Amino acid sequence: MSAVLYETPGPRAKLRNRISNVVVLLVLLGAIAWLIHRMYAFGQFEGRLWRQFQYSSIQRQMLEGLLNTLKAAGLAAVLAMLFGAVFAAARISDHKWVRTPATLIVELFRAVPLLILMFYFYFGNIQFGLGLSPFWAVVFGLTLYNGSVLAEIFRAGIAAVPKGQREAAYALGLRKNQVVRMVLLPQAISAMLPAIVSQLVVLLKDTALGFIITYGELLYVAKQMGGRLTYGFPYIPTYIVTAVIYIGLCSLLSLLARYLEGRSRRRRKITGAPPPLPLANDPSEGAPV
């Protein structure tokens, strides 16, 4: 496919690409060095700003925020998978009265910003007394938004299976649910896994929006720690540590997505299974719809 889209670069083009890569890398390193220099000039590396991280009480506080983040992300991931599976099944239904409402619901929650969904549950609870804590406002918001995206991933994964597979299954006398369960899903799972894991990375990062509605996740804890006068308002050091934690968590999930994608490619070489969907957070490859 790559050979069809553009010509294979020759020796000169390869040399230009290497030079461009080196130039971009040097510019990036220069920008990082300038940023570090400015932080040093403004005293962001002074010991008193970083001293709080050596205390066990501070470490426990950050650990509690991290656990709250993982708890919300874990529960929302499970609910979003269930939401996506149900509405993906509804969207491929042969009955219009099932397919049309499911399509409207999926498109609605994909279009509404995640933060507005969280506001809806948080302030709706305050106004109507729904009995929801900020934790559930975060979970329900994440579930509706990411579940709608996952529904499209599931639908696209099933649609990616070659048409001949379902035609052969129907020719054998299988019903629609048997075709989906026994023929399409086993082949589509390998195509969907990288995109699913990638969407879970997005879900994990989106839990940070919970600090706006006072949910005690990692970013909310970091904001409180950064506002302490005793340590000179260490906002920048605290956010640096928080960013490193988020990068570590998301990198683990991204590595899992890459591993699954590589495994899927090796499997396709052997079985001829359909190609994997583009990663959900990779704009260069388009949305998995």
C-alpha atoms as a PDB file:
ATOM      1  CA  MET A   1       0.000   0.000   0.000  1.00  0.00           C
ATOM      2  CA  SER A   2       2.820   2.422   0.818  1.00  0.00           C
ATOM      3  CA  ALA A   3       4.377   1.834  -2.603  1.00  0.00           C
ATOM      4  CA  VAL A   4       1.052   2.773  -4.235  1.00  0.00           C
ATOM      5  CA  LEU A   5       0.610   5.996  -2.256  1.00  0.00           C
ATOM      6  CA  TYR A   6       4.075   7.392  -2.921  1.00  0.00           C
ATOM      7  CA  GLU A   7       7.327   6.457  -4.580  1.00  0.00           C
ATOM      8  CA  THR A   8      10.023   4.762  -2.556  1.00  0.00           C
ATOM      9  CA  PRO A   9      12.598   7.449  -1.608  1.00  0.00           C
ATOM     10  CA  GLY A  10      15.946   7.227  -3.318  1.00  0.00           C
ATOM     11  CA  PRO A  11      19.413   7.874  -1.825  1.00  0.00           C
ATOM     12  CA  ARG A  12      19.079  11.683  -1.992  1.00  0.00           C
ATOM     13  CA  ALA A  13      15.596  11.675  -0.530  1.00  0.00           C
ATOM     14  CA  LYS A  14      16.746   9.399   2.286  1.00  0.00           C
ATOM     15  CA  LEU A  15      19.630  11.770   2.996  1.00  0.00           C
ATOM     16  CA  ARG A  16      17.271  14.755   3.081  1.00  0.00           C
ATOM     17  CA  ASN A  17      14.964  12.870   5.435  1.00  0.00           C
ATOM     18  CA  ARG A  18      17.846  12.063   7.782  1.00  0.00           C
ATOM     19  CA  ILE A  19      18.991  15.695   7.769  1.00  0.00           C
ATOM     20  CA  SER A  20      15.445  16.887   8.449  1.00  0.00           C
ATOM     21  CA  ASN A  21      15.126  14.447  11.322  1.00  0.00           C
ATOM     22  CA  VAL A  22      18.387  15.623  12.845  1.00  0.00           C
ATOM     23  CA  VAL A  23      17.366  19.293  12.494  1.00  0.00           C
ATOM     24  CA  VAL A  24      13.973  18.678  14.113  1.00  0.00           C
ATOM     25  CA  LEU A  25      15.627  16.709  16.922  1.00  0.00           C
ATOM     26  CA  LEU A  26      18.129  19.510  17.559  1.00  0.00           C
ATOM     27  CA  VAL A  27      15.345  22.113  17.615  1.00  0.00           C
ATOM     28  CA  LEU A  28      13.370  19.978  20.056  1.00  0.00           C
ATOM     29  CA  LEU A  29      16.382  19.472  22.319  1.00  0.00           C
ATOM     30  CA  GLY A  30      17.105  23.201  22.151  1.00  0.00           C
ATOM     31  CA  ALA A  31      13.540  24.020  23.198  1.00  0.00           C
ATOM     32  CA  ILE A  32      13.779  21.593  26.117  1.00  0.00           C
ATOM     33  CA  ALA A  33      17.140  23.062  27.164  1.00  0.00           C
ATOM     34  CA  TRP A  34      15.713  26.602  26.993  1.00  0.00           C
ATOM     35  CA  LEU A  35      12.723  25.553  29.100  1.00  0.00           C
ATOM     36  CA  ILE A  36      14.960  23.950  31.729  1.00  0.00           C
ATOM     37  CA  HIS A  37      17.155  27.056  31.783  1.00  0.00           C
ATOM     38  CA  ARG A  38      14.150  29.319  32.331  1.00  0.00           C
ATOM     39  CA  MET A  39      12.863  27.096  35.112  1.00  0.00           C
ATOM     40  CA  TYR A  40      16.301  27.197  36.747  1.00  0.00           C
ATOM     41  CA  ALA A  41      16.462  30.981  36.383  1.00  0.00           C
ATOM     42  CA  PHE A  42      13.102  31.340  38.170  1.00  0.00           C
ATOM     43  CA  GLY A  43      14.167  29.031  40.979  1.00  0.00           C
ATOM     44  CA  GLN A  44      11.931  26.073  40.129  1.00  0.00           C
ATOM     45  CA  PHE A  45      14.695  23.621  41.076  1.00  0.00           C
ATOM     46  CA  GLU A  46      15.264  25.021  44.555  1.00  0.00           C
ATOM     47  CA  GLY A  47      15.274  22.382  47.258  1.00  0.00           C
ATOM     48  CA  ARG A  48      12.409  23.861  49.261  1.00  0.00           C
ATOM     49  CA  LEU A  49      10.051  23.431  46.306  1.00  0.00           C
ATOM     50  CA  TRP A  50      10.842  19.724  46.032  1.00  0.00           C
ATOM     51  CA  ARG A  51      11.291  18.956  49.729  1.00  0.00           C
ATOM     52  CA  GLN A  52       7.694  17.904  50.306  1.00  0.00           C
ATOM     53  CA  PHE A  53       8.058  14.771  48.165  1.00  0.00           C
ATOM     54  CA  GLN A  54      10.401  13.187  50.690  1.00  0.00           C
ATOM     55  CA  TYR A  55       7.702  12.993  53.370  1.00  0.00           C
ATOM     56  CA  SER A  56       5.675   9.808  53.651  1.00  0.00           C
ATOM     57  CA  SER A  57       2.430  11.701  54.279  1.00  0.00           C
ATOM     58  CA  ILE A  58       2.802  13.499  50.935  1.00  0.00           C
ATOM     59  CA  GLN A  59       3.626  10.235  49.197  1.00  0.00           C
ATOM     60  CA  ARG A  60       0.536   8.595  50.703  1.00  0.00           C
ATOM     61  CA  GLN A  61      -1.570  11.540  49.562  1.00  0.00           C
ATOM     62  CA  MET A  62      -0.338  11.200  45.989  1.00  0.00           C
ATOM     63  CA  LEU A  63      -0.837   7.442  46.140  1.00  0.00           C
ATOM     64  CA  GLU A  64      -4.415   7.974  47.282  1.00  0.00           C
ATOM     65  CA  GLY A  65      -5.008  10.321  44.352  1.00  0.00           C
ATOM     66  CA  LEU A  66      -3.460   7.791  41.980  1.00  0.00           C
ATOM     67  CA  LEU A  67      -5.688   5.020  43.339  1.00  0.00           C
ATOM     68  CA  ASN A  68      -8.746   7.237  42.893  1.00  0.00           C
ATOM     69  CA  THR A  69      -7.698   7.862  39.304  1.00  0.00           C
ATOM     70  CA  LEU A  70      -7.242   4.149  38.629  1.00  0.00           C
ATOM     71  CA  LYS A  71     -10.513   3.300  40.367  1.00  0.00           C
ATOM     72  CA  ALA A  72     -12.521   5.739  38.249  1.00  0.00           C
ATOM     73  CA  ALA A  73     -10.697   4.729  35.069  1.00  0.00           C
ATOM     74  CA  GLY A  74     -11.089   0.995  35.754  1.00  0.00           C
ATOM     75  CA  LEU A  75     -14.812   1.116  36.476  1.00  0.00           C
ATOM     76  CA  ALA A  76     -15.484   3.518  33.603  1.00  0.00           C
ATOM     77  CA  ALA A  77     -13.517   1.248  31.235  1.00  0.00           C
ATOM     78  CA  VAL A  78     -15.642  -1.779  32.144  1.00  0.00           C
ATOM     79  CA  LEU A  79     -18.910   0.145  31.819  1.00  0.00           C
ATOM     80  CA  ALA A  80     -17.789   1.779  28.566  1.00  0.00           C
ATOM     81  CA  MET A  81     -16.950  -1.631  27.093  1.00  0.00           C
ATOM     82  CA  LEU A  82     -20.417  -2.916  28.021  1.00  0.00           C
ATOM     83  CA  PHE A  83     -22.058   0.251  26.671  1.00  0.00           C
ATOM     84  CA  GLY A  84     -20.081  -0.026  23.441  1.00  0.00           C
ATOM     85  CA  ALA A  85     -20.872  -3.726  22.974  1.00  0.00           C
ATOM     86  CA  VAL A  86     -24.622  -3.200  23.486  1.00  0.00           C
ATOM     87  CA  PHE A  87     -24.913  -0.208  21.166  1.00  0.00           C
ATOM     88  CA  ALA A  88     -22.617  -1.708  18.546  1.00  0.00           C
ATOM     89  CA  ALA A  89     -24.907  -4.741  18.440  1.00  0.00           C
ATOM     90  CA  ALA A  90     -27.892  -2.408  18.135  1.00  0.00           C
ATOM     91  CA  ARG A  91     -26.264  -0.449  15.323  1.00  0.00           C
ATOM     92  CA  ILE A  92     -25.745  -3.542  13.172  1.00  0.00           C
ATOM     93  CA  SER A  93     -29.266  -4.783  13.844  1.00  0.00           C
ATOM     94  CA  ASP A  94     -31.525  -5.558  10.881  1.00  0.00           C
ATOM     95  CA  HIS A  95     -34.419  -3.820  12.647  1.00  0.00           C
ATOM     96  CA  LYS A  96     -34.621  -0.107  11.899  1.00  0.00           C
ATOM     97  CA  TRP A  97     -36.514   0.635  15.118  1.00  0.00           C
ATOM     98  CA  VAL A  98     -33.469  -0.685  17.018  1.00  0.00           C
ATOM     99  CA  ARG A  99     -30.740   0.652  14.741  1.00  0.00           C
ATOM    100  CA  THR A 100     -31.979   4.253  14.441  1.00  0.00           C
ATOM    101  CA  PRO A 101     -32.254   5.117  18.181  1.00  0.00           C
ATOM    102  CA  ALA A 102     -28.898   3.441  18.834  1.00  0.00           C
ATOM    103  CA  THR A 103     -27.280   5.532  16.114  1.00  0.00           C
ATOM    104  CA  LEU A 104     -28.779   8.737  17.523  1.00  0.00           C
ATOM    105  CA  ILE A 105     -27.587   7.933  21.050  1.00  0.00           C
ATOM    106  CA  VAL A 106     -24.061   7.059  19.937  1.00  0.00           C
ATOM    107  CA  GLU A 107     -23.728  10.153  17.764  1.00  0.00           C
ATOM    108  CA  LEU A 108     -25.161  12.360  20.528  1.00  0.00           C
ATOM    109  CA  PHE A 109     -22.712  11.300  23.214  1.00  0.00           C
ATOM    110  CA  ARG A 110     -19.797  11.372  20.781  1.00  0.00           C
ATOM    111  CA  ALA A 111     -20.635  14.989  19.959  1.00  0.00           C
ATOM    112  CA  VAL A 112     -21.122  16.272  23.520  1.00  0.00           C
ATOM    113  CA  PRO A 113     -17.832  17.300  25.225  1.00  0.00           C
ATOM    114  CA  LEU A 114     -16.864  15.019  28.079  1.00  0.00           C
ATOM    115  CA  LEU A 115     -16.646  17.846  30.600  1.00  0.00           C
ATOM    116  CA  ILE A 116     -20.260  18.849  29.883  1.00  0.00           C
ATOM    117  CA  LEU A 117     -21.360  15.278  30.591  1.00  0.00           C
ATOM    118  CA  MET A 118     -19.561  15.408  33.932  1.00  0.00           C
ATOM    119  CA  PHE A 119     -21.173  18.790  34.685  1.00  0.00           C
ATOM    120  CA  TYR A 120     -24.573  17.328  33.850  1.00  0.00           C
ATOM    121  CA  PHE A 121     -24.269  14.590  36.462  1.00  0.00           C
ATOM    122  CA  TYR A 122     -22.485  16.755  39.041  1.00  0.00           C
ATOM    123  CA  PHE A 123     -24.764  19.804  38.954  1.00  0.00           C
ATOM    124  CA  GLY A 124     -27.819  17.675  38.195  1.00  0.00           C
ATOM    125  CA  ASN A 125     -27.118  15.838  41.421  1.00  0.00           C
ATOM    126  CA  ILE A 126     -26.891  19.134  43.309  1.00  0.00           C
ATOM    127  CA  GLN A 127     -30.108  20.511  41.823  1.00  0.00           C
ATOM    128  CA  PHE A 128     -32.275  17.387  41.846  1.00  0.00           C
ATOM    129  CA  GLY A 129     -30.699  15.446  44.718  1.00  0.00           C
ATOM    130  CA  LEU A 130     -29.774  12.353  42.695  1.00  0.00           C
ATOM    131  CA  GLY A 131     -27.447  11.046  45.394  1.00  0.00           C
ATOM    132  CA  LEU A 132     -24.407  10.935  43.096  1.00  0.00           C
ATOM    133  CA  SER A 133     -20.925  11.652  44.401  1.00  0.00           C
ATOM    134  CA  PRO A 134     -18.277  13.346  42.216  1.00  0.00           C
ATOM    135  CA  PHE A 135     -16.844   9.857  41.658  1.00  0.00           C
ATOM    136  CA  TRP A 136     -20.018   8.709  39.900  1.00  0.00           C
ATOM    137  CA  ALA A 137     -20.246  11.936  37.917  1.00  0.00           C
ATOM    138  CA  VAL A 138     -16.774  11.233  36.550  1.00  0.00           C
ATOM    139  CA  VAL A 139     -17.512   7.550  35.897  1.00  0.00           C
ATOM    140  CA  PHE A 140     -20.829   8.153  34.132  1.00  0.00           C
ATOM    141  CA  GLY A 141     -19.374  10.937  31.997  1.00  0.00           C
ATOM    142  CA  LEU A 142     -16.436   8.764  30.956  1.00  0.00           C
ATOM    143  CA  THR A 143     -18.759   5.818  30.305  1.00  0.00           C
ATOM    144  CA  LEU A 144     -21.114   7.669  27.979  1.00  0.00           C
ATOM    145  CA  TYR A 145     -18.427   9.431  25.966  1.00  0.00           C
ATOM    146  CA  ASN A 146     -15.906   6.618  25.633  1.00  0.00           C
ATOM    147  CA  GLY A 147     -18.630   3.984  25.352  1.00  0.00           C
ATOM    148  CA  SER A 148     -19.963   5.774  22.277  1.00  0.00           C
ATOM    149  CA  VAL A 149     -16.499   5.808  20.720  1.00  0.00           C
ATOM    150  CA  LEU A 150     -16.008   2.137  21.550  1.00  0.00           C
ATOM    151  CA  ALA A 151     -19.367   1.331  19.964  1.00  0.00           C
ATOM    152  CA  GLU A 152     -18.042   2.738  16.691  1.00  0.00           C
ATOM    153  CA  ILE A 153     -14.796   0.785  17.102  1.00  0.00           C
ATOM    154  CA  PHE A 154     -16.735  -2.453  17.612  1.00  0.00           C
ATOM    155  CA  ARG A 155     -19.004  -1.737  14.647  1.00  0.00           C
ATOM    156  CA  ALA A 156     -16.069  -0.863  12.398  1.00  0.00           C
ATOM    157  CA  GLY A 157     -14.175  -3.971  13.507  1.00  0.00           C
ATOM    158  CA  ILE A 158     -17.065  -6.217  12.543  1.00  0.00           C
ATOM    159  CA  ALA A 159     -17.496  -4.373   9.252  1.00  0.00           C
ATOM    160  CA  ALA A 160     -13.795  -4.906   8.494  1.00  0.00           C
ATOM    161  CA  VAL A 161     -14.273  -8.672   8.214  1.00  0.00           C
ATOM    162  CA  PRO A 162     -14.429  -9.646   4.518  1.00  0.00           C
ATOM    163  CA  LYS A 163     -17.970  -9.809   3.186  1.00  0.00           C
ATOM    164  CA  GLY A 164     -17.445 -13.344   1.934  1.00  0.00           C
ATOM    165  CA  GLN A 165     -17.133 -14.602   5.496  1.00  0.00           C
ATOM    166  CA  ARG A 166     -20.679 -13.631   6.460  1.00  0.00           C
ATOM    167  CA  GLU A 167     -22.074 -14.743   3.105  1.00  0.00           C
ATOM    168  CA  ALA A 168     -20.541 -18.170   3.602  1.00  0.00           C
ATOM    169  CA  ALA A 169     -21.952 -18.309   7.134  1.00  0.00           C
ATOM    170  CA  TYR A 170     -25.439 -17.403   5.908  1.00  0.00           C
ATOM    171  CA  ALA A 171     -25.105 -20.035   3.176  1.00  0.00           C
ATOM    172  CA  LEU A 172     -24.546 -22.625   5.909  1.00  0.00           C
ATOM    173  CA  GLY A 173     -27.885 -21.656   7.452  1.00  0.00           C
ATOM    174  CA  LEU A 174     -26.613 -19.695  10.459  1.00  0.00           C
ATOM    175  CA  ARG A 175     -28.786 -16.996  11.979  1.00  0.00           C
ATOM    176  CA  LYS A 176     -27.647 -13.367  12.349  1.00  0.00           C
ATOM    177  CA  ASN A 177     -26.606 -13.681  15.979  1.00  0.00           C
ATOM    178  CA  GLN A 178     -24.727 -16.908  15.216  1.00  0.00           C
ATOM    179  CA  VAL A 179     -22.905 -15.272  12.316  1.00  0.00           C
ATOM    180  CA  VAL A 180     -21.815 -12.358  14.504  1.00  0.00           C
ATOM    181  CA  ARG A 181     -20.896 -14.493  17.525  1.00  0.00           C
ATOM    182  CA  MET A 182     -19.232 -17.458  15.797  1.00  0.00           C
ATOM    183  CA  VAL A 183     -17.800 -15.991  12.571  1.00  0.00           C
ATOM    184  CA  LEU A 184     -17.400 -12.212  12.650  1.00  0.00           C
ATOM    185  CA  LEU A 185     -16.370 -11.511  16.246  1.00  0.00           C
ATOM    186  CA  PRO A 186     -13.483 -14.027  16.428  1.00  0.00           C
ATOM    187  CA  GLN A 187     -11.939 -12.437  13.336  1.00  0.00           C
ATOM    188  CA  ALA A 188     -12.735  -8.852  14.318  1.00  0.00           C
ATOM    189  CA  ILE A 189     -11.285  -9.025  17.835  1.00  0.00           C
ATOM    190  CA  SER A 190      -7.690  -8.970  16.613  1.00  0.00           C
ATOM    191  CA  ALA A 191      -8.517  -5.945  14.450  1.00  0.00           C
ATOM    192  CA  MET A 192     -10.211  -4.078  17.294  1.00  0.00           C
ATOM    193  CA  LEU A 193      -7.785  -4.698  20.163  1.00  0.00           C
ATOM    194  CA  PRO A 194      -5.199  -1.994  19.362  1.00  0.00           C
ATOM    195  CA  ALA A 195      -7.906   0.646  18.886  1.00  0.00           C
ATOM    196  CA  ILE A 196      -9.684  -0.437  22.072  1.00  0.00           C
ATOM    197  CA  VAL A 197      -6.519  -0.202  24.163  1.00  0.00           C
ATOM    198  CA  SER A 198      -5.727   3.153  22.608  1.00  0.00           C
ATOM    199  CA  GLN A 199      -9.173   4.461  23.563  1.00  0.00           C
ATOM    200  CA  LEU A 200      -8.590   3.240  27.106  1.00  0.00           C
ATOM    201  CA  VAL A 201      -5.466   5.425  27.176  1.00  0.00           C
ATOM    202  CA  VAL A 202      -7.697   8.382  26.295  1.00  0.00           C
ATOM    203  CA  LEU A 203     -10.125   7.363  29.040  1.00  0.00           C
ATOM    204  CA  LEU A 204      -7.337   7.216  31.619  1.00  0.00           C
ATOM    205  CA  LYS A 205      -6.120  10.706  30.732  1.00  0.00           C
ATOM    206  CA  ASP A 206      -9.648  12.101  30.745  1.00  0.00           C
ATOM    207  CA  THR A 207     -10.046  11.221  34.427  1.00  0.00           C
ATOM    208  CA  ALA A 208      -7.977  14.360  35.077  1.00  0.00           C
ATOM    209  CA  LEU A 209     -11.090  16.413  34.244  1.00  0.00           C
ATOM    210  CA  GLY A 210     -12.533  15.164  37.516  1.00  0.00           C
ATOM    211  CA  PHE A 211     -10.564  17.752  39.491  1.00  0.00           C
ATOM    212  CA  ILE A 212     -12.908  20.434  38.117  1.00  0.00           C
ATOM    213  CA  ILE A 213     -15.856  18.838  39.946  1.00  0.00           C
ATOM    214  CA  THR A 214     -13.791  18.236  43.127  1.00  0.00           C
ATOM    215  CA  TYR A 215     -13.187  14.523  42.616  1.00  0.00           C
ATOM    216  CA  GLY A 216     -10.045  13.624  44.581  1.00  0.00           C
ATOM    217  CA  GLU A 217      -8.049  12.109  41.724  1.00  0.00           C
ATOM    218  CA  LEU A 218      -4.349  12.649  41.046  1.00  0.00           C
ATOM    219  CA  LEU A 219      -4.558  16.104  39.467  1.00  0.00           C
ATOM    220  CA  TYR A 220      -6.869  17.370  42.223  1.00  0.00           C
ATOM    221  CA  VAL A 221      -4.367  16.214  44.840  1.00  0.00           C
ATOM    222  CA  ALA A 222      -1.532  17.851  42.885  1.00  0.00           C
ATOM    223  CA  LYS A 223      -3.412  21.150  42.814  1.00  0.00           C
ATOM    224  CA  GLN A 224      -3.789  21.070  46.593  1.00  0.00           C
ATOM    225  CA  MET A 225      -0.118  20.193  47.086  1.00  0.00           C
ATOM    226  CA  GLY A 226       1.017  22.981  44.781  1.00  0.00           C
ATOM    227  CA  GLY A 227      -0.835  25.629  46.804  1.00  0.00           C
ATOM    228  CA  ARG A 228       1.080  25.131  50.034  1.00  0.00           C
ATOM    229  CA  LEU A 229       2.827  28.281  51.245  1.00  0.00           C
ATOM    230  CA  THR A 230       5.130  26.258  53.498  1.00  0.00           C
ATOM    231  CA  TYR A 231       6.963  24.931  50.451  1.00  0.00           C
ATOM    232  CA  GLY A 232       6.799  28.135  48.407  1.00  0.00           C
ATOM    233  CA  PHE A 233       3.770  27.263  46.260  1.00  0.00           C
ATOM    234  CA  PRO A 234       5.469  24.397  44.378  1.00  0.00           C
ATOM    235  CA  TYR A 235       2.976  24.209  41.497  1.00  0.00           C
ATOM    236  CA  ILE A 236       5.518  23.524  38.755  1.00  0.00           C
ATOM    237  CA  PRO A 237       7.438  20.752  40.596  1.00  0.00           C
ATOM    238  CA  THR A 238       4.174  19.116  41.652  1.00  0.00           C
ATOM    239  CA  TYR A 239       2.753  19.165  38.137  1.00  0.00           C
ATOM    240  CA  ILE A 240       6.028  17.789  36.764  1.00  0.00           C
ATOM    241  CA  VAL A 241       5.809  14.800  39.107  1.00  0.00           C
ATOM    242  CA  THR A 242       2.127  14.349  38.245  1.00  0.00           C
ATOM    243  CA  ALA A 243       2.879  14.481  34.520  1.00  0.00           C
ATOM    244  CA  VAL A 244       5.567  11.825  34.909  1.00  0.00           C
ATOM    245  CA  ILE A 245       3.047   9.538  36.627  1.00  0.00           C
ATOM    246  CA  TYR A 246       0.474  10.059  33.869  1.00  0.00           C
ATOM    247  CA  ILE A 247       3.098   9.504  31.181  1.00  0.00           C
ATOM    248  CA  GLY A 248       4.171   6.267  32.848  1.00  0.00           C
ATOM    249  CA  LEU A 249       0.611   4.922  33.073  1.00  0.00           C
ATOM    250  CA  CYS A 250      -0.302   5.880  29.514  1.00  0.00           C
ATOM    251  CA  SER A 251       3.001   4.544  28.181  1.00  0.00           C
ATOM    252  CA  LEU A 252       2.262   1.126  29.672  1.00  0.00           C
ATOM    253  CA  LEU A 253      -1.116   1.036  27.947  1.00  0.00           C
ATOM    254  CA  SER A 254       0.408   2.317  24.700  1.00  0.00           C
ATOM    255  CA  LEU A 255       3.041  -0.408  24.803  1.00  0.00           C
ATOM    256  CA  LEU A 256       0.258  -2.925  25.251  1.00  0.00           C
ATOM    257  CA  ALA A 257      -1.527  -1.483  22.198  1.00  0.00           C
ATOM    258  CA  ARG A 258       1.669  -1.696  20.109  1.00  0.00           C
ATOM    259  CA  TYR A 259       2.268  -5.259  21.251  1.00  0.00           C
ATOM    260  CA  LEU A 260      -1.270  -6.266  20.313  1.00  0.00           C
ATOM    261  CA  GLU A 261      -0.940  -4.526  16.952  1.00  0.00           C
ATOM    262  CA  GLY A 262       2.331  -6.331  16.213  1.00  0.00           C
ATOM    263  CA  ARG A 263       0.839  -9.634  17.261  1.00  0.00           C
ATOM    264  CA  SER A 264      -2.154  -8.971  15.013  1.00  0.00           C
ATOM    265  CA  ARG A 265       0.145  -8.284  12.062  1.00  0.00           C
ATOM    266  CA  ARG A 266       2.017 -11.530  12.601  1.00  0.00           C
ATOM    267  CA  ARG A 267      -1.281 -13.380  12.789  1.00  0.00           C
ATOM    268  CA  ARG A 268      -2.528 -11.818   9.537  1.00  0.00           C
ATOM    269  CA  LYS A 269       0.545 -13.045   7.705  1.00  0.00           C
ATOM    270  CA  ILE A 270      -0.431 -16.564   8.700  1.00  0.00           C
ATOM    271  CA  THR A 271      -4.244 -16.505   8.585  1.00  0.00           C
ATOM    272  CA  GLY A 272      -5.061 -13.548   6.343  1.00  0.00           C
ATOM    273  CA  ALA A 273      -7.192 -11.855   9.010  1.00  0.00           C
ATOM    274  CA  PRO A 274      -8.435  -8.266   8.388  1.00  0.00           C
ATOM    275  CA  PRO A 275      -6.045  -5.380   9.210  1.00  0.00           C
ATOM    276  CA  PRO A 276      -6.306  -3.630  12.578  1.00  0.00           C
ATOM    277  CA  LEU A 277      -8.228  -0.405  12.966  1.00  0.00           C
ATOM    278  CA  PRO A 278      -6.266   2.868  13.331  1.00  0.00           C
ATOM    279  CA  LEU A 279      -5.431   3.873  16.914  1.00  0.00           C
ATOM    280  CA  ALA A 280      -8.184   6.049  18.314  1.00  0.00           C
ATOM    281  CA  ASN A 281      -5.790   8.798  19.477  1.00  0.00           C
ATOM    282  CA  ASP A 282      -3.698   8.832  16.301  1.00  0.00           C
ATOM    283  CA  PRO A 283      -5.030  11.674  14.100  1.00  0.00           C
ATOM    284  CA  SER A 284      -2.719  10.719  11.228  1.00  0.00           C
ATOM    285  CA  GLU A 285      -4.599   7.495  10.690  1.00  0.00           C
ATOM    286  CA  GLY A 286      -8.126   8.829  10.961  1.00  0.00           C
ATOM    287  CA  ALA A 287     -11.018   7.851  13.173  1.00  0.00           C
ATOM    288  CA  PRO A 288     -11.993   4.177  13.356  1.00  0.00           C
ATOM    289  CA  VAL A 289     -15.445   4.783  11.928  1.00  0.00           C
END
